[in-house]
Amino acid sequence: MATLKLRAVGNSVGLVLPKDILARMNLAEGDTVQVVESGDGLLLTTMPRETEAQLELGRELMRRYRETFAALAK
């Protein structure tokens, strides 16, 4: 268990994770994590790199074909 402090980052607030926690979670700067609200608080989980790549591909397709998806939704 670790006690962490929230810090100002520009106009936002961030949580700085110590190196040992980053190493245990196999995380590096720029990686994506998911925050899930649970009955006991918040759960921080990693997103597999394959899933992250698939989500980015989906976002790119949605941007590229936005008009087509909008027409299909009608």
PDB file of N, CA and C in Angstrom:
ATOM      1  N   MET A   1       0.853  -1.182   0.000  1.00  0.00           N
ATOM      2  CA  MET A   1       0.000   0.000   0.000  1.00  0.00           C
ATOM      3  C   MET A   1       0.890   1.234   0.000  1.00  0.00           C
ATOM      4  N   ALA A   2       0.467   2.222  -0.761  1.00  0.00           N
ATOM      5  CA  ALA A   2       1.219   3.466  -0.843  1.00  0.00           C
ATOM      6  C   ALA A   2       0.269   4.640  -0.656  1.00  0.00           C
ATOM      7  N   THR A   3       0.756   5.684  -0.030  1.00  0.00           N
ATOM      8  CA  THR A   3       0.003   6.927   0.094  1.00  0.00           C
ATOM      9  C   THR A   3       0.596   7.902  -0.909  1.00  0.00           C
ATOM     10  N   LEU A   4      -0.246   8.388  -1.803  1.00  0.00           N
ATOM     11  CA  LEU A   4       0.216   9.262  -2.881  1.00  0.00           C
ATOM     12  C   LEU A   4      -0.431  10.637  -2.748  1.00  0.00           C
ATOM     13  N   LYS A   5       0.252  11.648  -3.246  1.00  0.00           N
ATOM     14  CA  LYS A   5      -0.247  13.011  -3.174  1.00  0.00           C
ATOM     15  C   LYS A   5      -0.632  13.492  -4.565  1.00  0.00           C
ATOM     16  N   LEU A   6      -1.772  14.145  -4.673  1.00  0.00           N
ATOM     17  CA  LEU A   6      -2.195  14.773  -5.924  1.00  0.00           C
ATOM     18  C   LEU A   6      -1.390  16.043  -6.122  1.00  0.00           C
ATOM     19  N   ARG A   7      -0.979  16.288  -7.386  1.00  0.00           N
ATOM     20  CA  ARG A   7      -0.161  17.459  -7.698  1.00  0.00           C
ATOM     21  C   ARG A   7      -0.734  18.200  -8.894  1.00  0.00           C
ATOM     22  N   ALA A   8      -0.551  19.498  -8.890  1.00  0.00           N
ATOM     23  CA  ALA A   8      -0.982  20.318 -10.026  1.00  0.00           C
ATOM     24  C   ALA A   8      -0.117  19.998 -11.234  1.00  0.00           C
ATOM     25  N   VAL A   9      -0.789  19.808 -12.377  1.00  0.00           N
ATOM     26  CA  VAL A   9      -0.117  19.582 -13.654  1.00  0.00           C
ATOM     27  C   VAL A   9      -0.807  20.486 -14.659  1.00  0.00           C
ATOM     28  N   GLY A  10      -0.236  21.649 -14.907  1.00  0.00           N
ATOM     29  CA  GLY A  10      -0.899  22.624 -15.767  1.00  0.00           C
ATOM     30  C   GLY A  10      -2.216  23.039 -15.141  1.00  0.00           C
ATOM     31  N   ASN A  11      -3.311  22.921 -15.913  1.00  0.00           N
ATOM     32  CA  ASN A  11      -4.636  23.268 -15.406  1.00  0.00           C
ATOM     33  C   ASN A  11      -5.353  22.065 -14.804  1.00  0.00           C
ATOM     34  N   SER A  12      -4.658  20.943 -14.688  1.00  0.00           N
ATOM     35  CA  SER A  12      -5.259  19.713 -14.171  1.00  0.00           C
ATOM     36  C   SER A  12      -4.565  19.300 -12.884  1.00  0.00           C
ATOM     37  N   VAL A  13      -4.990  18.166 -12.361  1.00  0.00           N
ATOM     38  CA  VAL A  13      -4.368  17.578 -11.179  1.00  0.00           C
ATOM     39  C   VAL A  13      -3.988  16.157 -11.531  1.00  0.00           C
ATOM     40  N   GLY A  14      -2.777  15.750 -11.175  1.00  0.00           N
ATOM     41  CA  GLY A  14      -2.302  14.418 -11.506  1.00  0.00           C
ATOM     42  C   GLY A  14      -1.860  13.651 -10.279  1.00  0.00           C
ATOM     43  N   LEU A  15      -1.716  12.375 -10.466  1.00  0.00           N
ATOM     44  CA  LEU A  15      -1.244  11.474  -9.424  1.00  0.00           C
ATOM     45  C   LEU A  15       0.095  10.917  -9.889  1.00  0.00           C
ATOM     46  N   VAL A  16       1.125  11.123  -9.117  1.00  0.00           N
ATOM     47  CA  VAL A  16       2.463  10.653  -9.480  1.00  0.00           C
ATOM     48  C   VAL A  16       2.679   9.289  -8.851  1.00  0.00           C
ATOM     49  N   LEU A  17       2.962   8.297  -9.705  1.00  0.00           N
ATOM     50  CA  LEU A  17       3.198   6.938  -9.211  1.00  0.00           C
ATOM     51  C   LEU A  17       4.696   6.718  -9.030  1.00  0.00           C
ATOM     52  N   PRO A  18       5.096   6.199  -7.885  1.00  0.00           N
ATOM     53  CA  PRO A  18       6.516   5.926  -7.644  1.00  0.00           C
ATOM     54  C   PRO A  18       7.047   4.855  -8.595  1.00  0.00           C
ATOM     55  N   LYS A  19       8.368   4.870  -8.810  1.00  0.00           N
ATOM     56  CA  LYS A  19       9.012   3.938  -9.735  1.00  0.00           C
ATOM     57  C   LYS A  19       8.716   2.487  -9.394  1.00  0.00           C
ATOM     58  N   ASP A  20       8.689   2.134  -8.109  1.00  0.00           N
ATOM     59  CA  ASP A  20       8.463   0.724  -7.751  1.00  0.00           C
ATOM     60  C   ASP A  20       7.061   0.260  -8.145  1.00  0.00           C
ATOM     61  N   ILE A  21       6.073   1.135  -8.033  1.00  0.00           N
ATOM     62  CA  ILE A  21       4.710   0.775  -8.450  1.00  0.00           C
ATOM     63  C   ILE A  21       4.650   0.656  -9.970  1.00  0.00           C
ATOM     64  N   LEU A  22       5.278   1.589 -10.685  1.00  0.00           N
ATOM     65  CA  LEU A  22       5.319   1.516 -12.151  1.00  0.00           C
ATOM     66  C   LEU A  22       5.970   0.206 -12.596  1.00  0.00           C
ATOM     67  N   ALA A  23       7.039  -0.186 -11.944  1.00  0.00           N
ATOM     68  CA  ALA A  23       7.732  -1.428 -12.303  1.00  0.00           C
ATOM     69  C   ALA A  23       6.848  -2.640 -12.039  1.00  0.00           C
ATOM     70  N   ARG A  24       6.165  -2.673 -10.903  1.00  0.00           N
ATOM     71  CA  ARG A  24       5.286  -3.811 -10.580  1.00  0.00           C
ATOM     72  C   ARG A  24       4.132  -3.926 -11.560  1.00  0.00           C
ATOM     73  N   MET A  25       3.629  -2.781 -12.041  1.00  0.00           N
ATOM     74  CA  MET A  25       2.507  -2.788 -12.974  1.00  0.00           C
ATOM     75  C   MET A  25       2.979  -2.831 -14.424  1.00  0.00           C
ATOM     76  N   ASN A  26       4.296  -2.831 -14.627  1.00  0.00           N
ATOM     77  CA  ASN A  26       4.887  -2.848 -15.962  1.00  0.00           C
ATOM     78  C   ASN A  26       4.395  -1.660 -16.790  1.00  0.00           C
ATOM     79  N   LEU A  27       4.457  -0.473 -16.194  1.00  0.00           N
ATOM     80  CA  LEU A  27       3.980   0.752 -16.831  1.00  0.00           C
ATOM     81  C   LEU A  27       5.134   1.698 -17.098  1.00  0.00           C
ATOM     82  N   ALA A  28       4.960   2.517 -18.123  1.00  0.00           N
ATOM     83  CA  ALA A  28       5.922   3.571 -18.442  1.00  0.00           C
ATOM     84  C   ALA A  28       5.142   4.809 -18.864  1.00  0.00           C
ATOM     85  N   GLU A  29       5.825   5.928 -18.925  1.00  0.00           N
ATOM     86  CA  GLU A  29       5.186   7.171 -19.338  1.00  0.00           C
ATOM     87  C   GLU A  29       4.524   6.995 -20.699  1.00  0.00           C
ATOM     88  N   GLY A  30       3.279   7.462 -20.812  1.00  0.00           N
ATOM     89  CA  GLY A  30       2.536   7.354 -22.067  1.00  0.00           C
ATOM     90  C   GLY A  30       1.612   6.159 -22.132  1.00  0.00           C
ATOM     91  N   ASP A  31       1.786   5.179 -21.218  1.00  0.00           N
ATOM     92  CA  ASP A  31       0.890   4.014 -21.205  1.00  0.00           C
ATOM     93  C   ASP A  31      -0.500   4.434 -20.750  1.00  0.00           C
ATOM     94  N   THR A  32      -1.488   3.621 -21.071  1.00  0.00           N
ATOM     95  CA  THR A  32      -2.873   3.882 -20.694  1.00  0.00           C
ATOM     96  C   THR A  32      -3.273   2.973 -19.550  1.00  0.00           C
ATOM     97  N   VAL A  33      -3.965   3.534 -18.571  1.00  0.00           N
ATOM     98  CA  VAL A  33      -4.514   2.743 -17.472  1.00  0.00           C
ATOM     99  C   VAL A  33      -6.004   3.013 -17.389  1.00  0.00           C
ATOM    100  N   GLN A  34      -6.706   2.089 -16.793  1.00  0.00           N
ATOM    101  CA  GLN A  34      -8.144   2.252 -16.580  1.00  0.00           C
ATOM    102  C   GLN A  34      -8.387   2.461 -15.100  1.00  0.00           C
ATOM    103  N   VAL A  35      -9.306   3.366 -14.788  1.00  0.00           N
ATOM    104  CA  VAL A  35      -9.717   3.598 -13.407  1.00  0.00           C
ATOM    105  C   VAL A  35     -11.164   3.147 -13.304  1.00  0.00           C
ATOM    106  N   VAL A  36     -11.399   2.188 -12.408  1.00  0.00           N
ATOM    107  CA  VAL A  36     -12.729   1.618 -12.234  1.00  0.00           C
ATOM    108  C   VAL A  36     -13.181   1.909 -10.809  1.00  0.00           C
ATOM    109  N   GLU A  37     -14.375   2.451 -10.679  1.00  0.00           N
ATOM    110  CA  GLU A  37     -14.918   2.715  -9.356  1.00  0.00           C
ATOM    111  C   GLU A  37     -15.470   1.415  -8.786  1.00  0.00           C
ATOM    112  N   SER A  38     -15.055   1.095  -7.565  1.00  0.00           N
ATOM    113  CA  SER A  38     -15.546  -0.113  -6.904  1.00  0.00           C
ATOM    114  C   SER A  38     -16.184   0.294  -5.580  1.00  0.00           C
ATOM    115  N   GLY A  39     -16.758  -0.668  -4.895  1.00  0.00           N
ATOM    116  CA  GLY A  39     -17.394  -0.378  -3.618  1.00  0.00           C
ATOM    117  C   GLY A  39     -16.419   0.129  -2.571  1.00  0.00           C
ATOM    118  N   ASP A  40     -15.152  -0.236  -2.704  1.00  0.00           N
ATOM    119  CA  ASP A  40     -14.134   0.154  -1.726  1.00  0.00           C
ATOM    120  C   ASP A  40     -13.332   1.379  -2.138  1.00  0.00           C
ATOM    121  N   GLY A  41     -13.540   1.894  -3.332  1.00  0.00           N
ATOM    122  CA  GLY A  41     -12.779   3.042  -3.802  1.00  0.00           C
ATOM    123  C   GLY A  41     -12.548   2.946  -5.288  1.00  0.00           C
ATOM    124  N   LEU A  42     -11.320   3.201  -5.708  1.00  0.00           N
ATOM    125  CA  LEU A  42     -10.959   3.160  -7.119  1.00  0.00           C
ATOM    126  C   LEU A  42      -9.958   2.043  -7.356  1.00  0.00           C
ATOM    127  N   LEU A  43     -10.090   1.385  -8.503  1.00  0.00           N
ATOM    128  CA  LEU A  43      -9.180   0.323  -8.904  1.00  0.00           C
ATOM    129  C   LEU A  43      -8.442   0.786 -10.141  1.00  0.00           C
ATOM    130  N   LEU A  44      -7.125   0.780 -10.088  1.00  0.00           N
ATOM    131  CA  LEU A  44      -6.283   1.178 -11.201  1.00  0.00           C
ATOM    132  C   LEU A  44      -5.764  -0.083 -11.864  1.00  0.00           C
ATOM    133  N   THR A  45      -6.090  -0.263 -13.155  1.00  0.00           N
ATOM    134  CA  THR A  45      -5.656  -1.463 -13.864  1.00  0.00           C
ATOM    135  C   THR A  45      -4.977  -1.085 -15.163  1.00  0.00           C
ATOM    136  N   THR A  46      -4.108  -1.950 -15.625  1.00  0.00           N
ATOM    137  CA  THR A  46      -3.437  -1.709 -16.888  1.00  0.00           C
ATOM    138  C   THR A  46      -4.310  -2.205 -18.025  1.00  0.00           C
ATOM    139  N   MET A  47      -4.101  -1.619 -19.180  1.00  0.00           N
ATOM    140  CA  MET A  47      -4.799  -2.051 -20.375  1.00  0.00           C
ATOM    141  C   MET A  47      -3.770  -2.771 -21.248  1.00  0.00           C
ATOM    142  N   PRO A  48      -4.044  -4.006 -21.642  1.00  0.00           N
ATOM    143  CA  PRO A  48      -3.078  -4.705 -22.497  1.00  0.00           C
ATOM    144  C   PRO A  48      -2.766  -3.888 -23.748  1.00  0.00           C
ATOM    145  N   ARG A  49      -1.505  -3.901 -24.160  1.00  0.00           N
ATOM    146  CA  ARG A  49      -1.086  -3.103 -25.316  1.00  0.00           C
ATOM    147  C   ARG A  49      -1.866  -3.483 -26.573  1.00  0.00           C
ATOM    148  N   GLU A  50      -2.224  -4.763 -26.718  1.00  0.00           N
ATOM    149  CA  GLU A  50      -3.006  -5.189 -27.887  1.00  0.00           C
ATOM    150  C   GLU A  50      -4.376  -4.513 -27.880  1.00  0.00           C
ATOM    151  N   THR A  51      -5.005  -4.454 -26.705  1.00  0.00           N
ATOM    152  CA  THR A  51      -6.313  -3.811 -26.579  1.00  0.00           C
ATOM    153  C   THR A  51      -6.201  -2.329 -26.883  1.00  0.00           C
ATOM    154  N   GLU A  52      -5.150  -1.707 -26.367  1.00  0.00           N
ATOM    155  CA  GLU A  52      -4.938  -0.286 -26.607  1.00  0.00           C
ATOM    156  C   GLU A  52      -4.781  -0.010 -28.105  1.00  0.00           C
ATOM    157  N   ALA A  53      -4.031  -0.860 -28.808  1.00  0.00           N
ATOM    158  CA  ALA A  53      -3.831  -0.694 -30.250  1.00  0.00           C
ATOM    159  C   ALA A  53      -5.150  -0.881 -31.002  1.00  0.00           C
ATOM    160  N   GLN A  54      -5.966  -1.846 -30.589  1.00  0.00           N
ATOM    161  CA  GLN A  54      -7.257  -2.080 -31.240  1.00  0.00           C
ATOM    162  C   GLN A  54      -8.192  -0.896 -31.028  1.00  0.00           C
ATOM    163  N   LEU A  55      -8.195  -0.333 -29.826  1.00  0.00           N
ATOM    164  CA  LEU A  55      -9.041   0.831 -29.559  1.00  0.00           C
ATOM    165  C   LEU A  55      -8.610   2.026 -30.403  1.00  0.00           C
ATOM    166  N   GLU A  56      -7.318   2.226 -30.537  1.00  0.00           N
ATOM    167  CA  GLU A  56      -6.828   3.343 -31.359  1.00  0.00           C
ATOM    168  C   GLU A  56      -7.210   3.146 -32.815  1.00  0.00           C
ATOM    169  N   LEU A  57      -7.131   1.928 -33.331  1.00  0.00           N
ATOM    170  CA  LEU A  57      -7.555   1.642 -34.700  1.00  0.00           C
ATOM    171  C   LEU A  57      -9.039   1.946 -34.862  1.00  0.00           C
ATOM    172  N   GLY A  58      -9.855   1.548 -33.893  1.00  0.00           N
ATOM    173  CA  GLY A  58     -11.286   1.835 -33.936  1.00  0.00           C
ATOM    174  C   GLY A  58     -11.560   3.331 -33.939  1.00  0.00           C
ATOM    175  N   ARG A  59     -10.823   4.076 -33.111  1.00  0.00           N
ATOM    176  CA  ARG A  59     -11.004   5.532 -33.087  1.00  0.00           C
ATOM    177  C   ARG A  59     -10.641   6.156 -34.432  1.00  0.00           C
ATOM    178  N   GLU A  60      -9.555   5.675 -35.040  1.00  0.00           N
ATOM    179  CA  GLU A  60      -9.138   6.199 -36.339  1.00  0.00           C
ATOM    180  C   GLU A  60     -10.194   5.921 -37.403  1.00  0.00           C
ATOM    181  N   LEU A  61     -10.747   4.714 -37.398  1.00  0.00           N
ATOM    182  CA  LEU A  61     -11.803   4.377 -38.365  1.00  0.00           C
ATOM    183  C   LEU A  61     -13.043   5.241 -38.147  1.00  0.00           C
ATOM    184  N   MET A  62     -13.384   5.490 -36.884  1.00  0.00           N
ATOM    185  CA  MET A  62     -14.549   6.325 -36.587  1.00  0.00           C
ATOM    186  C   MET A  62     -14.324   7.755 -37.061  1.00  0.00           C
ATOM    187  N   ARG A  63     -13.077   8.267 -36.910  1.00  0.00           N
ATOM    188  CA  ARG A  63     -12.772   9.624 -37.403  1.00  0.00           C
ATOM    189  C   ARG A  63     -12.851   9.661 -38.930  1.00  0.00           C
ATOM    190  N   ARG A  64     -12.247   8.659 -39.565  1.00  0.00           N
ATOM    191  CA  ARG A  64     -12.173   8.642 -41.023  1.00  0.00           C
ATOM    192  C   ARG A  64     -13.558   8.501 -41.655  1.00  0.00           C
ATOM    193  N   TYR A  65     -14.405   7.693 -41.074  1.00  0.00           N
ATOM    194  CA  TYR A  65     -15.723   7.407 -41.664  1.00  0.00           C
ATOM    195  C   TYR A  65     -16.863   7.996 -40.836  1.00  0.00           C
ATOM    196  N   ARG A  66     -16.610   9.132 -40.202  1.00  0.00           N
ATOM    197  CA  ARG A  66     -17.615   9.757 -39.334  1.00  0.00           C
ATOM    198  C   ARG A  66     -18.914  10.036 -40.082  1.00  0.00           C
ATOM    199  N   GLU A  67     -18.812  10.588 -41.283  1.00  0.00           N
ATOM    200  CA  GLU A  67     -20.018  10.912 -42.052  1.00  0.00           C
ATOM    201  C   GLU A  67     -20.781   9.645 -42.432  1.00  0.00           C
ATOM    202  N   THR A  68     -20.077   8.602 -42.775  1.00  0.00           N
ATOM    203  CA  THR A  68     -20.726   7.341 -43.148  1.00  0.00           C
ATOM    204  C   THR A  68     -21.459   6.760 -41.947  1.00  0.00           C
ATOM    205  N   PHE A  69     -20.809   6.761 -40.775  1.00  0.00           N
ATOM    206  CA  PHE A  69     -21.465   6.247 -39.567  1.00  0.00           C
ATOM    207  C   PHE A  69     -22.677   7.085 -39.192  1.00  0.00           C
ATOM    208  N   ALA A  70     -22.586   8.409 -39.386  1.00  0.00           N
ATOM    209  CA  ALA A  70     -23.715   9.289 -39.075  1.00  0.00           C
ATOM    210  C   ALA A  70     -24.884   8.985 -39.994  1.00  0.00           C
ATOM    211  N   ALA A  71     -24.601   8.744 -41.285  1.00  0.00           N
ATOM    212  CA  ALA A  71     -25.669   8.424 -42.242  1.00  0.00           C
ATOM    213  C   ALA A  71     -26.302   7.085 -41.903  1.00  0.00           C
ATOM    214  N   LEU A  72     -25.486   6.121 -41.515  1.00  0.00           N
ATOM    215  CA  LEU A  72     -26.021   4.801 -41.154  1.00  0.00           C
ATOM    216  C   LEU A  72     -26.872   4.843 -39.893  1.00  0.00           C
ATOM    217  N   ALA A  73     -26.567   5.765 -38.998  1.00  0.00           N
ATOM    218  CA  ALA A  73     -27.300   5.884 -37.745  1.00  0.00           C
ATOM    219  C   ALA A  73     -28.692   6.456 -37.936  1.00  0.00           C
ATOM    220  N   LYS A  74     -28.916   7.120 -39.076  1.00  0.00           N
ATOM    221  CA  LYS A  74     -30.236   7.747 -39.305  1.00  0.00           C
ATOM    222  C   LYS A  74     -31.273   6.755 -39.599  1.00  0.00           C
TER     223      LYS A  74
END
